Amino acid sequence: QIQLLESGGDSVQTGGSLRLSCAASGYPLSSVCVAWFRQAPGKEREGVARIYTGGGNTYYADSVKGRFTISQDNAKNTVYLQMNSLKPEDTAMYYCAAPKLPYTLMGLDDRQYTYWGQGTQVTVSL
């Protein structure tokens, strides 16, 4: 059974940092795109960052570029999202997602991702 498990969400103040983790089981995170998405109440789901674990190619939404960093740890079969300089508008439920097929470079279109975690809440206060 394929599972993605996010962790690391918390409540922080503006300017703070958090590191989210996405641990996969039953699904080798090798040569595959893994993405982070977020959804705030009343808003559409938004793609945040993506990494292609086959070579480390990364892609970021403009809203987080320069503040967030996506990375991988192949030994732990885990993808991370380091979030710095957090703002109140970063408040959302954060999800990691992976596609059904490997070896395909993707963007941040959530329709391309098949497997999703349950989410981890990030709250940034003033």
PDB file of N, CA and C in Angstrom:
ATOM      1  N   GLN A   1       0.846  -1.190   0.000  1.00  0.00           N
ATOM      2  CA  GLN A   1       0.000   0.000   0.000  1.00  0.00           C
ATOM      3  C   GLN A   1       0.881   1.239   0.000  1.00  0.00           C
ATOM      4  N   ILE A   2       0.570   2.161  -0.892  1.00  0.00           N
ATOM      5  CA  ILE A   2       1.353   3.387  -1.011  1.00  0.00           C
ATOM      6  C   ILE A   2       0.818   4.435  -0.054  1.00  0.00           C
ATOM      7  N   GLN A   3       1.718   4.991   0.745  1.00  0.00           N
ATOM      8  CA  GLN A   3       1.317   6.039   1.689  1.00  0.00           C
ATOM      9  C   GLN A   3       2.336   7.158   1.688  1.00  0.00           C
ATOM     10  N   LEU A   4       1.825   8.367   1.769  1.00  0.00           N
ATOM     11  CA  LEU A   4       2.652   9.550   1.973  1.00  0.00           C
ATOM     12  C   LEU A   4       2.230  10.156   3.302  1.00  0.00           C
ATOM     13  N   LEU A   5       3.183  10.399   4.163  1.00  0.00           N
ATOM     14  CA  LEU A   5       2.870  10.900   5.491  1.00  0.00           C
ATOM     15  C   LEU A   5       3.616  12.198   5.737  1.00  0.00           C
ATOM     16  N   GLU A   6       2.856  13.285   5.866  1.00  0.00           N
ATOM     17  CA  GLU A   6       3.458  14.582   6.145  1.00  0.00           C
ATOM     18  C   GLU A   6       3.569  14.790   7.658  1.00  0.00           C
ATOM     19  N   SER A   7       4.548  15.576   8.035  1.00  0.00           N
ATOM     20  CA  SER A   7       4.703  15.973   9.432  1.00  0.00           C
ATOM     21  C   SER A   7       5.491  17.274   9.475  1.00  0.00           C
ATOM     22  N   GLY A   8       5.492  17.893  10.643  1.00  0.00           N
ATOM     23  CA  GLY A   8       6.285  19.093  10.828  1.00  0.00           C
ATOM     24  C   GLY A   8       5.493  20.381  10.892  1.00  0.00           C
ATOM     25  N   GLY A   9       4.204  20.308  10.629  1.00  0.00           N
ATOM     26  CA  GLY A   9       3.396  21.514  10.708  1.00  0.00           C
ATOM     27  C   GLY A   9       3.276  22.012  12.145  1.00  0.00           C
ATOM     28  N   ASP A  10       3.113  23.314  12.270  1.00  0.00           N
ATOM     29  CA  ASP A  10       3.052  23.910  13.613  1.00  0.00           C
ATOM     30  C   ASP A  10       2.532  25.332  13.491  1.00  0.00           C
ATOM     31  N   SER A  11       2.400  25.986  14.634  1.00  0.00           N
ATOM     32  CA  SER A  11       2.044  27.400  14.677  1.00  0.00           C
ATOM     33  C   SER A  11       3.302  28.198  14.988  1.00  0.00           C
ATOM     34  N   VAL A  12       3.600  29.185  14.157  1.00  0.00           N
ATOM     35  CA  VAL A  12       4.782  30.017  14.339  1.00  0.00           C
ATOM     36  C   VAL A  12       4.410  31.479  14.121  1.00  0.00           C
ATOM     37  N   GLN A  13       5.307  32.355  14.513  1.00  0.00           N
ATOM     38  CA  GLN A  13       5.102  33.779  14.273  1.00  0.00           C
ATOM     39  C   GLN A  13       5.705  34.186  12.936  1.00  0.00           C
ATOM     40  N   THR A  14       5.258  35.315  12.448  1.00  0.00           N
ATOM     41  CA  THR A  14       5.803  35.858  11.199  1.00  0.00           C
ATOM     42  C   THR A  14       7.319  35.935  11.276  1.00  0.00           C
ATOM     43  N   GLY A  15       7.943  35.486  10.217  1.00  0.00           N
ATOM     44  CA  GLY A  15       9.400  35.476  10.166  1.00  0.00           C
ATOM     45  C   GLY A  15      10.021  34.184  10.633  1.00  0.00           C
ATOM     46  N   GLY A  16       9.223  33.315  11.186  1.00  0.00           N
ATOM     47  CA  GLY A  16       9.728  32.044  11.689  1.00  0.00           C
ATOM     48  C   GLY A  16       9.981  31.036  10.594  1.00  0.00           C
ATOM     49  N   SER A  17      10.447  29.858  11.010  1.00  0.00           N
ATOM     50  CA  SER A  17      10.784  28.786  10.077  1.00  0.00           C
ATOM     51  C   SER A  17      10.172  27.471  10.520  1.00  0.00           C
ATOM     52  N   LEU A  18       9.918  26.628   9.544  1.00  0.00           N
ATOM     53  CA  LEU A  18       9.460  25.271   9.792  1.00  0.00           C
ATOM     54  C   LEU A  18      10.054  24.370   8.726  1.00  0.00           C
ATOM     55  N   ARG A  19      10.200  23.094   9.063  1.00  0.00           N
ATOM     56  CA  ARG A  19      10.589  22.099   8.063  1.00  0.00           C
ATOM     57  C   ARG A  19       9.531  21.008   8.045  1.00  0.00           C
ATOM     58  N   LEU A  20       8.908  20.861   6.899  1.00  0.00           N
ATOM     59  CA  LEU A  20       7.926  19.801   6.707  1.00  0.00           C
ATOM     60  C   LEU A  20       8.606  18.579   6.114  1.00  0.00           C
ATOM     61  N   SER A  21       8.104  17.412   6.501  1.00  0.00           N
ATOM     62  CA  SER A  21       8.624  16.154   5.972  1.00  0.00           C
ATOM     63  C   SER A  21       7.508  15.390   5.282  1.00  0.00           C
ATOM     64  N   CYS A  22       7.883  14.690   4.227  1.00  0.00           N
ATOM     65  CA  CYS A  22       6.955  13.814   3.514  1.00  0.00           C
ATOM     66  C   CYS A  22       7.638  12.462   3.388  1.00  0.00           C
ATOM     67  N   ALA A  23       7.226  11.526   4.215  1.00  0.00           N
ATOM     68  CA  ALA A  23       7.815  10.191   4.220  1.00  0.00           C
ATOM     69  C   ALA A  23       6.934   9.243   3.426  1.00  0.00           C
ATOM     70  N   ALA A  24       7.556   8.517   2.502  1.00  0.00           N
ATOM     71  CA  ALA A  24       6.804   7.602   1.642  1.00  0.00           C
ATOM     72  C   ALA A  24       7.027   6.161   2.067  1.00  0.00           C
ATOM     73  N   SER A  25       5.963   5.385   1.991  1.00  0.00           N
ATOM     74  CA  SER A  25       6.081   3.947   2.203  1.00  0.00           C
ATOM     75  C   SER A  25       5.385   3.231   1.063  1.00  0.00           C
ATOM     76  N   GLY A  26       5.973   2.130   0.637  1.00  0.00           N
ATOM     77  CA  GLY A  26       5.411   1.399  -0.484  1.00  0.00           C
ATOM     78  C   GLY A  26       5.591   2.109  -1.814  1.00  0.00           C
ATOM     79  N   TYR A  27       6.474   3.114  -1.841  1.00  0.00           N
ATOM     80  CA  TYR A  27       6.638   3.930  -3.040  1.00  0.00           C
ATOM     81  C   TYR A  27       8.042   4.516  -3.021  1.00  0.00           C
ATOM     82  N   PRO A  28       8.952   3.958  -3.770  1.00  0.00           N
ATOM     83  CA  PRO A  28      10.322   4.489  -3.790  1.00  0.00           C
ATOM     84  C   PRO A  28      10.360   5.882  -4.403  1.00  0.00           C
ATOM     85  N   LEU A  29      10.875   6.824  -3.644  1.00  0.00           N
ATOM     86  CA  LEU A  29      10.958   8.192  -4.146  1.00  0.00           C
ATOM     87  C   LEU A  29      12.256   8.369  -4.939  1.00  0.00           C
ATOM     88  N   SER A  30      12.402   7.586  -5.964  1.00  0.00           N
ATOM     89  CA  SER A  30      13.570   7.709  -6.826  1.00  0.00           C
ATOM     90  C   SER A  30      13.092   7.970  -8.246  1.00  0.00           C
ATOM     91  N   SER A  31      13.719   8.945  -8.882  1.00  0.00           N
ATOM     92  CA  SER A  31      13.373   9.315 -10.258  1.00  0.00           C
ATOM     93  C   SER A  31      11.885   9.597 -10.413  1.00  0.00           C
ATOM     94  N   VAL A  32      11.362  10.407  -9.515  1.00  0.00           N
ATOM     95  CA  VAL A  32       9.949  10.754  -9.555  1.00  0.00           C
ATOM     96  C   VAL A  32       9.784  12.187  -9.064  1.00  0.00           C
ATOM     97  N   CYS A  33       8.758  12.841  -9.536  1.00  0.00           N
ATOM     98  CA  CYS A  33       8.448  14.183  -9.037  1.00  0.00           C
ATOM     99  C   CYS A  33       7.642  14.076  -7.750  1.00  0.00           C
ATOM    100  N   VAL A  34       8.063  14.777  -6.750  1.00  0.00           N
ATOM    101  CA  VAL A  34       7.304  14.911  -5.505  1.00  0.00           C
ATOM    102  C   VAL A  34       7.041  16.396  -5.300  1.00  0.00           C
ATOM    103  N   ALA A  35       5.803  16.718  -5.012  1.00  0.00           N
ATOM    104  CA  ALA A  35       5.427  18.127  -4.897  1.00  0.00           C
ATOM    105  C   ALA A  35       4.756  18.410  -3.566  1.00  0.00           C
ATOM    106  N   TRP A  36       4.865  19.665  -3.167  1.00  0.00           N
ATOM    107  CA  TRP A  36       4.125  20.171  -2.020  1.00  0.00           C
ATOM    108  C   TRP A  36       3.046  21.114  -2.533  1.00  0.00           C
ATOM    109  N   PHE A  37       1.850  20.930  -2.022  1.00  0.00           N
ATOM    110  CA  PHE A  37       0.732  21.808  -2.305  1.00  0.00           C
ATOM    111  C   PHE A  37       0.209  22.348  -0.976  1.00  0.00           C
ATOM    112  N   ARG A  38      -0.569  23.394  -1.046  1.00  0.00           N
ATOM    113  CA  ARG A  38      -1.196  23.913   0.161  1.00  0.00           C
ATOM    114  C   ARG A  38      -2.594  24.411  -0.165  1.00  0.00           C
ATOM    115  N   GLN A  39      -3.431  24.399   0.855  1.00  0.00           N
ATOM    116  CA  GLN A  39      -4.795  24.894   0.680  1.00  0.00           C
ATOM    117  C   GLN A  39      -5.231  25.609   1.946  1.00  0.00           C
ATOM    118  N   ALA A  40      -5.562  26.862   1.783  1.00  0.00           N
ATOM    119  CA  ALA A  40      -6.086  27.661   2.888  1.00  0.00           C
ATOM    120  C   ALA A  40      -7.617  27.608   2.842  1.00  0.00           C
ATOM    121  N   PRO A  41      -8.262  27.832   3.976  1.00  0.00           N
ATOM    122  CA  PRO A  41      -9.730  27.803   4.011  1.00  0.00           C
ATOM    123  C   PRO A  41     -10.333  28.771   2.998  1.00  0.00           C
ATOM    124  N   GLY A  42     -11.258  28.263   2.197  1.00  0.00           N
ATOM    125  CA  GLY A  42     -11.942  29.107   1.228  1.00  0.00           C
ATOM    126  C   GLY A  42     -11.147  29.402  -0.026  1.00  0.00           C
ATOM    127  N   LYS A  43      -9.961  28.800  -0.141  1.00  0.00           N
ATOM    128  CA  LYS A  43      -9.124  29.051  -1.315  1.00  0.00           C
ATOM    129  C   LYS A  43      -8.857  27.753  -2.063  1.00  0.00           C
ATOM    130  N   GLU A  44      -8.459  27.901  -3.318  1.00  0.00           N
ATOM    131  CA  GLU A  44      -8.118  26.734  -4.115  1.00  0.00           C
ATOM    132  C   GLU A  44      -6.752  26.188  -3.698  1.00  0.00           C
ATOM    133  N   ARG A  45      -6.551  24.914  -3.965  1.00  0.00           N
ATOM    134  CA  ARG A  45      -5.254  24.303  -3.696  1.00  0.00           C
ATOM    135  C   ARG A  45      -4.193  24.927  -4.599  1.00  0.00           C
ATOM    136  N   GLU A  46      -3.045  25.183  -4.020  1.00  0.00           N
ATOM    137  CA  GLU A  46      -1.973  25.892  -4.713  1.00  0.00           C
ATOM    138  C   GLU A  46      -0.694  25.061  -4.676  1.00  0.00           C
ATOM    139  N   GLY A  47      -0.047  24.929  -5.810  1.00  0.00           N
ATOM    140  CA  GLY A  47       1.241  24.258  -5.847  1.00  0.00           C
ATOM    141  C   GLY A  47       2.313  25.144  -5.275  1.00  0.00           C
ATOM    142  N   VAL A  48       3.179  24.583  -4.453  1.00  0.00           N
ATOM    143  CA  VAL A  48       4.196  25.354  -3.757  1.00  0.00           C
ATOM    144  C   VAL A  48       5.594  25.069  -4.306  1.00  0.00           C
ATOM    145  N   ALA A  49       5.956  23.788  -4.359  1.00  0.00           N
ATOM    146  CA  ALA A  49       7.301  23.417  -4.801  1.00  0.00           C
ATOM    147  C   ALA A  49       7.292  21.978  -5.280  1.00  0.00           C
ATOM    148  N   ARG A  50       8.259  21.693  -6.163  1.00  0.00           N
ATOM    149  CA  ARG A  50       8.369  20.353  -6.714  1.00  0.00           C
ATOM    150  C   ARG A  50       9.822  20.000  -6.867  1.00  0.00           C
ATOM    151  N   ILE A  51      10.147  18.718  -6.622  1.00  0.00           N
ATOM    152  CA  ILE A  51      11.496  18.217  -6.849  1.00  0.00           C
ATOM    153  C   ILE A  51      11.411  16.949  -7.678  1.00  0.00           C
ATOM    154  N   TYR A  52      12.340  16.829  -8.620  1.00  0.00           N
ATOM    155  CA  TYR A  52      12.471  15.578  -9.354  1.00  0.00           C
ATOM    156  C   TYR A  52      13.610  14.819  -8.699  1.00  0.00           C
ATOM    157  N   THR A  53      13.287  13.736  -8.027  1.00  0.00           N
ATOM    158  CA  THR A  53      14.275  13.058  -7.197  1.00  0.00           C
ATOM    159  C   THR A  53      15.330  12.334  -8.010  1.00  0.00           C
ATOM    160  N   GLY A  54      15.127  12.249  -9.316  1.00  0.00           N
ATOM    161  CA  GLY A  54      16.125  11.602 -10.151  1.00  0.00           C
ATOM    162  C   GLY A  54      17.368  12.429 -10.356  1.00  0.00           C
ATOM    163  N   GLY A  55      17.273  13.724 -10.163  1.00  0.00           N
ATOM    164  CA  GLY A  55      18.455  14.554 -10.361  1.00  0.00           C
ATOM    165  C   GLY A  55      18.454  15.806  -9.502  1.00  0.00           C
ATOM    166  N   GLY A  56      17.376  15.997  -8.753  1.00  0.00           N
ATOM    167  CA  GLY A  56      17.314  17.136  -7.859  1.00  0.00           C
ATOM    168  C   GLY A  56      16.753  18.399  -8.467  1.00  0.00           C
ATOM    169  N   ASN A  57      16.244  18.310  -9.697  1.00  0.00           N
ATOM    170  CA  ASN A  57      15.649  19.494 -10.336  1.00  0.00           C
ATOM    171  C   ASN A  57      14.485  19.990  -9.486  1.00  0.00           C
ATOM    172  N   THR A  58      14.457  21.296  -9.243  1.00  0.00           N
ATOM    173  CA  THR A  58      13.410  21.867  -8.401  1.00  0.00           C
ATOM    174  C   THR A  58      12.649  22.960  -9.136  1.00  0.00           C
ATOM    175  N   TYR A  59      11.449  23.212  -8.649  1.00  0.00           N
ATOM    176  CA  TYR A  59      10.602  24.258  -9.223  1.00  0.00           C
ATOM    177  C   TYR A  59       9.763  24.831  -8.101  1.00  0.00           C
ATOM    178  N   TYR A  60       9.625  26.168  -8.086  1.00  0.00           N
ATOM    179  CA  TYR A  60       8.902  26.831  -7.006  1.00  0.00           C
ATOM    180  C   TYR A  60       7.842  27.781  -7.551  1.00  0.00           C
ATOM    181  N   ALA A  61       6.775  27.907  -6.801  1.00  0.00           N
ATOM    182  CA  ALA A  61       5.811  28.952  -7.092  1.00  0.00           C
ATOM    183  C   ALA A  61       6.446  30.300  -6.772  1.00  0.00           C
ATOM    184  N   ASP A  62       6.046  31.325  -7.506  1.00  0.00           N
ATOM    185  CA  ASP A  62       6.623  32.657  -7.287  1.00  0.00           C
ATOM    186  C   ASP A  62       6.404  33.136  -5.851  1.00  0.00           C
ATOM    187  N   SER A  63       5.308  32.720  -5.266  1.00  0.00           N
ATOM    188  CA  SER A  63       4.956  33.204  -3.931  1.00  0.00           C
ATOM    189  C   SER A  63       5.908  32.717  -2.840  1.00  0.00           C
ATOM    190  N   VAL A  64       6.673  31.664  -3.123  1.00  0.00           N
ATOM    191  CA  VAL A  64       7.569  31.115  -2.096  1.00  0.00           C
ATOM    192  C   VAL A  64       9.028  31.125  -2.528  1.00  0.00           C
ATOM    193  N   LYS A  65       9.287  31.530  -3.747  1.00  0.00           N
ATOM    194  CA  LYS A  65      10.653  31.500  -4.275  1.00  0.00           C
ATOM    195  C   LYS A  65      11.563  32.359  -3.404  1.00  0.00           C
ATOM    196  N   GLY A  66      12.702  31.793  -3.040  1.00  0.00           N
ATOM    197  CA  GLY A  66      13.652  32.506  -2.196  1.00  0.00           C
ATOM    198  C   GLY A  66      13.413  32.304  -0.702  1.00  0.00           C
ATOM    199  N   ARG A  67      12.267  31.760  -0.350  1.00  0.00           N
ATOM    200  CA  ARG A  67      11.958  31.526   1.068  1.00  0.00           C
ATOM    201  C   ARG A  67      11.853  30.039   1.392  1.00  0.00           C
ATOM    202  N   PHE A  68      11.351  29.259   0.460  1.00  0.00           N
ATOM    203  CA  PHE A  68      11.161  27.820   0.670  1.00  0.00           C
ATOM    204  C   PHE A  68      12.201  27.043  -0.125  1.00  0.00           C
ATOM    205  N   THR A  69      12.601  25.899   0.436  1.00  0.00           N
ATOM    206  CA  THR A  69      13.535  25.016  -0.247  1.00  0.00           C
ATOM    207  C   THR A  69      13.034  23.579  -0.131  1.00  0.00           C
ATOM    208  N   ILE A  70      12.910  22.918  -1.272  1.00  0.00           N
ATOM    209  CA  ILE A  70      12.505  21.512  -1.286  1.00  0.00           C
ATOM    210  C   ILE A  70      13.754  20.666  -1.477  1.00  0.00           C
ATOM    211  N   SER A  71      13.823  19.558  -0.743  1.00  0.00           N
ATOM    212  CA  SER A  71      15.003  18.696  -0.827  1.00  0.00           C
ATOM    213  C   SER A  71      14.593  17.246  -0.599  1.00  0.00           C
ATOM    214  N   GLN A  72      15.541  16.350  -0.792  1.00  0.00           N
ATOM    215  CA  GLN A  72      15.242  14.927  -0.670  1.00  0.00           C
ATOM    216  C   GLN A  72      16.305  14.227   0.149  1.00  0.00           C
ATOM    217  N   ASP A  73      15.916  13.127   0.771  1.00  0.00           N
ATOM    218  CA  ASP A  73      16.848  12.233   1.461  1.00  0.00           C
ATOM    219  C   ASP A  73      16.494  10.829   0.988  1.00  0.00           C
ATOM    220  N   ASN A  74      17.260  10.341   0.024  1.00  0.00           N
ATOM    221  CA  ASN A  74      16.932   9.049  -0.573  1.00  0.00           C
ATOM    222  C   ASN A  74      17.026   7.913   0.438  1.00  0.00           C
ATOM    223  N   ALA A  75      17.958   8.009   1.351  1.00  0.00           N
ATOM    224  CA  ALA A  75      18.128   6.943   2.341  1.00  0.00           C
ATOM    225  C   ALA A  75      16.900   6.811   3.235  1.00  0.00           C
ATOM    226  N   LYS A  76      16.235   7.940   3.469  1.00  0.00           N
ATOM    227  CA  LYS A  76      15.043   7.927   4.327  1.00  0.00           C
ATOM    228  C   LYS A  76      13.749   7.909   3.512  1.00  0.00           C
ATOM    229  N   ASN A  77      13.889   7.911   2.184  1.00  0.00           N
ATOM    230  CA  ASN A  77      12.709   7.930   1.312  1.00  0.00           C
ATOM    231  C   ASN A  77      11.771   9.069   1.699  1.00  0.00           C
ATOM    232  N   THR A  78      12.360  10.222   1.870  1.00  0.00           N
ATOM    233  CA  THR A  78      11.640  11.378   2.404  1.00  0.00           C
ATOM    234  C   THR A  78      11.996  12.623   1.607  1.00  0.00           C
ATOM    235  N   VAL A  79      10.996  13.472   1.435  1.00  0.00           N
ATOM    236  CA  VAL A  79      11.184  14.786   0.823  1.00  0.00           C
ATOM    237  C   VAL A  79      10.832  15.838   1.870  1.00  0.00           C
ATOM    238  N   TYR A  80      11.611  16.907   1.880  1.00  0.00           N
ATOM    239  CA  TYR A  80      11.430  17.958   2.878  1.00  0.00           C
ATOM    240  C   TYR A  80      11.033  19.271   2.216  1.00  0.00           C
ATOM    241  N   LEU A  81      10.387  20.114   3.004  1.00  0.00           N
ATOM    242  CA  LEU A  81      10.133  21.492   2.579  1.00  0.00           C
ATOM    243  C   LEU A  81      10.568  22.399   3.722  1.00  0.00           C
ATOM    244  N   GLN A  82      11.700  23.058   3.516  1.00  0.00           N
ATOM    245  CA  GLN A  82      12.196  24.030   4.483  1.00  0.00           C
ATOM    246  C   GLN A  82      11.536  25.363   4.190  1.00  0.00           C
ATOM    247  N   MET A  83      10.866  25.920   5.165  1.00  0.00           N
ATOM    248  CA  MET A  83      10.133  27.160   4.981  1.00  0.00           C
ATOM    249  C   MET A  83      10.715  28.216   5.911  1.00  0.00           C
ATOM    250  N   ASN A  84      11.263  29.256   5.339  1.00  0.00           N
ATOM    251  CA  ASN A  84      11.842  30.362   6.099  1.00  0.00           C
ATOM    252  C   ASN A  84      11.063  31.638   5.837  1.00  0.00           C
ATOM    253  N   SER A  85      11.279  32.627   6.686  1.00  0.00           N
ATOM    254  CA  SER A  85      10.632  33.937   6.530  1.00  0.00           C
ATOM    255  C   SER A  85       9.134  33.777   6.316  1.00  0.00           C
ATOM    256  N   LEU A  86       8.515  32.989   7.157  1.00  0.00           N
ATOM    257  CA  LEU A  86       7.095  32.692   6.987  1.00  0.00           C
ATOM    258  C   LEU A  86       6.237  33.928   7.184  1.00  0.00           C
ATOM    259  N   LYS A  87       5.161  33.976   6.411  1.00  0.00           N
ATOM    260  CA  LYS A  87       4.218  35.090   6.439  1.00  0.00           C
ATOM    261  C   LYS A  87       2.827  34.563   6.790  1.00  0.00           C
ATOM    262  N   PRO A  88       1.947  35.415   7.276  1.00  0.00           N
ATOM    263  CA  PRO A  88       0.576  34.959   7.578  1.00  0.00           C
ATOM    264  C   PRO A  88      -0.109  34.328   6.371  1.00  0.00           C
ATOM    265  N   GLU A  89       0.212  34.814   5.179  1.00  0.00           N
ATOM    266  CA  GLU A  89      -0.422  34.253   3.978  1.00  0.00           C
ATOM    267  C   GLU A  89       0.090  32.854   3.638  1.00  0.00           C
ATOM    268  N   ASP A  90       1.083  32.362   4.352  1.00  0.00           N
ATOM    269  CA  ASP A  90       1.532  30.978   4.184  1.00  0.00           C
ATOM    270  C   ASP A  90       0.677  30.002   4.999  1.00  0.00           C
ATOM    271  N   THR A  91      -0.201  30.535   5.807  1.00  0.00           N
ATOM    272  CA  THR A  91      -1.075  29.689   6.622  1.00  0.00           C
ATOM    273  C   THR A  91      -1.956  28.819   5.733  1.00  0.00           C
ATOM    274  N   ALA A  92      -1.899  27.515   5.936  1.00  0.00           N
ATOM    275  CA  ALA A  92      -2.646  26.575   5.098  1.00  0.00           C
ATOM    276  C   ALA A  92      -2.385  25.158   5.588  1.00  0.00           C
ATOM    277  N   MET A  93      -3.158  24.226   5.039  1.00  0.00           N
ATOM    278  CA  MET A  93      -2.846  22.812   5.173  1.00  0.00           C
ATOM    279  C   MET A  93      -1.900  22.476   4.039  1.00  0.00           C
ATOM    280  N   TYR A  94      -0.795  21.840   4.371  1.00  0.00           N
ATOM    281  CA  TYR A  94       0.210  21.492   3.378  1.00  0.00           C
ATOM    282  C   TYR A  94       0.167  19.992   3.097  1.00  0.00           C
ATOM    283  N   TYR A  95       0.178  19.662   1.815  1.00  0.00           N
ATOM    284  CA  TYR A  95       0.105  18.281   1.381  1.00  0.00           C
ATOM    285  C   TYR A  95       1.294  17.953   0.481  1.00  0.00           C
ATOM    286  N   CYS A  96       1.802  16.732   0.595  1.00  0.00           N
ATOM    287  CA  CYS A  96       2.748  16.278  -0.404  1.00  0.00           C
ATOM    288  C   CYS A  96       2.032  15.307  -1.341  1.00  0.00           C
ATOM    289  N   ALA A  97       2.549  15.228  -2.553  1.00  0.00           N
ATOM    290  CA  ALA A  97       1.902  14.422  -3.572  1.00  0.00           C
ATOM    291  C   ALA A  97       2.947  13.832  -4.507  1.00  0.00           C
ATOM    292  N   ALA A  98       2.608  12.689  -5.073  1.00  0.00           N
ATOM    293  CA  ALA A  98       3.498  12.014  -6.011  1.00  0.00           C
ATOM    294  C   ALA A  98       2.664  11.436  -7.152  1.00  0.00           C
ATOM    295  N   PRO A  99       3.268  11.302  -8.325  1.00  0.00           N
ATOM    296  CA  PRO A  99       2.514  10.798  -9.471  1.00  0.00           C
ATOM    297  C   PRO A  99       2.500   9.276  -9.502  1.00  0.00           C
ATOM    298  N   LYS A 100       1.708   8.755 -10.415  1.00  0.00           N
ATOM    299  CA  LYS A 100       1.629   7.307 -10.567  1.00  0.00           C
ATOM    300  C   LYS A 100       2.857   6.773 -11.283  1.00  0.00           C
ATOM    301  N   LEU A 101       3.390   7.576 -12.219  1.00  0.00           N
ATOM    302  CA  LEU A 101       4.488   7.106 -13.035  1.00  0.00           C
ATOM    303  C   LEU A 101       5.774   7.876 -12.727  1.00  0.00           C
ATOM    304  N   PRO A 102       6.897   7.160 -12.668  1.00  0.00           N
ATOM    305  CA  PRO A 102       8.175   7.838 -12.468  1.00  0.00           C
ATOM    306  C   PRO A 102       8.736   8.343 -13.790  1.00  0.00           C
ATOM    307  N   TYR A 103       9.932   8.879 -13.733  1.00  0.00           N
ATOM    308  CA  TYR A 103      10.688   9.291 -14.913  1.00  0.00           C
ATOM    309  C   TYR A 103       9.976  10.333 -15.748  1.00  0.00           C
ATOM    310  N   THR A 104       9.128  11.122 -15.137  1.00  0.00           N
ATOM    311  CA  THR A 104       8.404  12.172 -15.859  1.00  0.00           C
ATOM    312  C   THR A 104       8.539  13.477 -15.106  1.00  0.00           C
ATOM    313  N   LEU A 105       9.056  14.493 -15.795  1.00  0.00           N
ATOM    314  CA  LEU A 105       9.212  15.804 -15.170  1.00  0.00           C
ATOM    315  C   LEU A 105       7.877  16.533 -15.229  1.00  0.00           C
ATOM    316  N   MET A 106       7.433  17.002 -14.077  1.00  0.00           N
ATOM    317  CA  MET A 106       6.137  17.657 -13.993  1.00  0.00           C
ATOM    318  C   MET A 106       6.267  19.024 -13.353  1.00  0.00           C
ATOM    319  N   GLY A 107       5.177  19.787 -13.479  1.00  0.00           N
ATOM    320  CA  GLY A 107       5.109  21.072 -12.808  1.00  0.00           C
ATOM    321  C   GLY A 107       4.284  20.974 -11.553  1.00  0.00           C
ATOM    322  N   LEU A 108       3.425  21.942 -11.341  1.00  0.00           N
ATOM    323  CA  LEU A 108       2.611  22.012 -10.128  1.00  0.00           C
ATOM    324  C   LEU A 108       1.119  21.953 -10.450  1.00  0.00           C
ATOM    325  N   ASP A 109       0.780  21.160 -11.461  1.00  0.00           N
ATOM    326  CA  ASP A 109      -0.620  20.925 -11.771  1.00  0.00           C
ATOM    327  C   ASP A 109      -1.084  19.744 -10.923  1.00  0.00           C
ATOM    328  N   ASP A 110      -1.983  19.982 -10.001  1.00  0.00           N
ATOM    329  CA  ASP A 110      -2.351  18.917  -9.066  1.00  0.00           C
ATOM    330  C   ASP A 110      -3.045  17.747  -9.773  1.00  0.00           C
ATOM    331  N   ARG A 111      -3.535  17.961 -10.982  1.00  0.00           N
ATOM    332  CA  ARG A 111      -4.193  16.863 -11.704  1.00  0.00           C
ATOM    333  C   ARG A 111      -3.193  15.788 -12.139  1.00  0.00           C
ATOM    334  N   GLN A 112      -1.913  16.122 -12.128  1.00  0.00           N
ATOM    335  CA  GLN A 112      -0.899  15.163 -12.551  1.00  0.00           C
ATOM    336  C   GLN A 112      -0.449  14.249 -11.410  1.00  0.00           C
ATOM    337  N   TYR A 113      -0.911  14.515 -10.203  1.00  0.00           N
ATOM    338  CA  TYR A 113      -0.440  13.765  -9.044  1.00  0.00           C
ATOM    339  C   TYR A 113      -1.529  12.831  -8.553  1.00  0.00           C
ATOM    340  N   THR A 114      -1.119  11.590  -8.300  1.00  0.00           N
ATOM    341  CA  THR A 114      -2.072  10.542  -7.954  1.00  0.00           C
ATOM    342  C   THR A 114      -2.136  10.267  -6.458  1.00  0.00           C
ATOM    343  N   TYR A 115      -0.986  10.262  -5.805  1.00  0.00           N
ATOM    344  CA  TYR A 115      -0.922   9.883  -4.394  1.00  0.00           C
ATOM    345  C   TYR A 115      -0.741  11.124  -3.538  1.00  0.00           C
ATOM    346  N   TRP A 116      -1.547  11.195  -2.489  1.00  0.00           N
ATOM    347  CA  TRP A 116      -1.554  12.373  -1.625  1.00  0.00           C
ATOM    348  C   TRP A 116      -1.479  11.957  -0.160  1.00  0.00           C
ATOM    349  N   GLY A 117      -0.816  12.776   0.629  1.00  0.00           N
ATOM    350  CA  GLY A 117      -0.821  12.566   2.059  1.00  0.00           C
ATOM    351  C   GLY A 117      -2.051  13.190   2.699  1.00  0.00           C
ATOM    352  N   GLN A 118      -2.122  13.093   4.012  1.00  0.00           N
ATOM    353  CA  GLN A 118      -3.303  13.585   4.722  1.00  0.00           C
ATOM    354  C   GLN A 118      -3.176  15.065   5.092  1.00  0.00           C
ATOM    355  N   GLY A 119      -1.975  15.595   4.964  1.00  0.00           N
ATOM    356  CA  GLY A 119      -1.765  17.015   5.225  1.00  0.00           C
ATOM    357  C   GLY A 119      -1.217  17.308   6.610  1.00  0.00           C
ATOM    358  N   THR A 120      -0.554  18.444   6.717  1.00  0.00           N
ATOM    359  CA  THR A 120      -0.054  18.943   7.992  1.00  0.00           C
ATOM    360  C   THR A 120      -0.312  20.447   8.033  1.00  0.00           C
ATOM    361  N   GLN A 121      -0.817  20.929   9.154  1.00  0.00           N
ATOM    362  CA  GLN A 121      -1.260  22.323   9.260  1.00  0.00           C
ATOM    363  C   GLN A 121      -0.115  23.256   9.627  1.00  0.00           C
ATOM    364  N   VAL A 122      -0.020  24.322   8.856  1.00  0.00           N
ATOM    365  CA  VAL A 122       0.930  25.396   9.148  1.00  0.00           C
ATOM    366  C   VAL A 122       0.137  26.669   9.414  1.00  0.00           C
ATOM    367  N   THR A 123       0.379  27.273  10.568  1.00  0.00           N
ATOM    368  CA  THR A 123      -0.294  28.511  10.933  1.00  0.00           C
ATOM    369  C   THR A 123       0.743  29.556  11.284  1.00  0.00           C
ATOM    370  N   VAL A 124       0.676  30.700  10.613  1.00  0.00           N
ATOM    371  CA  VAL A 124       1.633  31.779  10.844  1.00  0.00           C
ATOM    372  C   VAL A 124       0.868  32.983  11.366  1.00  0.00           C
ATOM    373  N   SER A 125       1.222  33.427  12.549  1.00  0.00           N
ATOM    374  CA  SER A 125       0.536  34.552  13.177  1.00  0.00           C
ATOM    375  C   SER A 125       1.403  35.801  13.138  1.00  0.00           C
ATOM    376  N   LEU A 126       0.736  36.933  13.278  1.00  0.00           N
ATOM    377  CA  LEU A 126       1.445  38.222  13.249  1.00  0.00           C
ATOM    378  C   LEU A 126       2.309  38.406  14.495  1.00  0.00           C
TER     379      LEU A 126
END
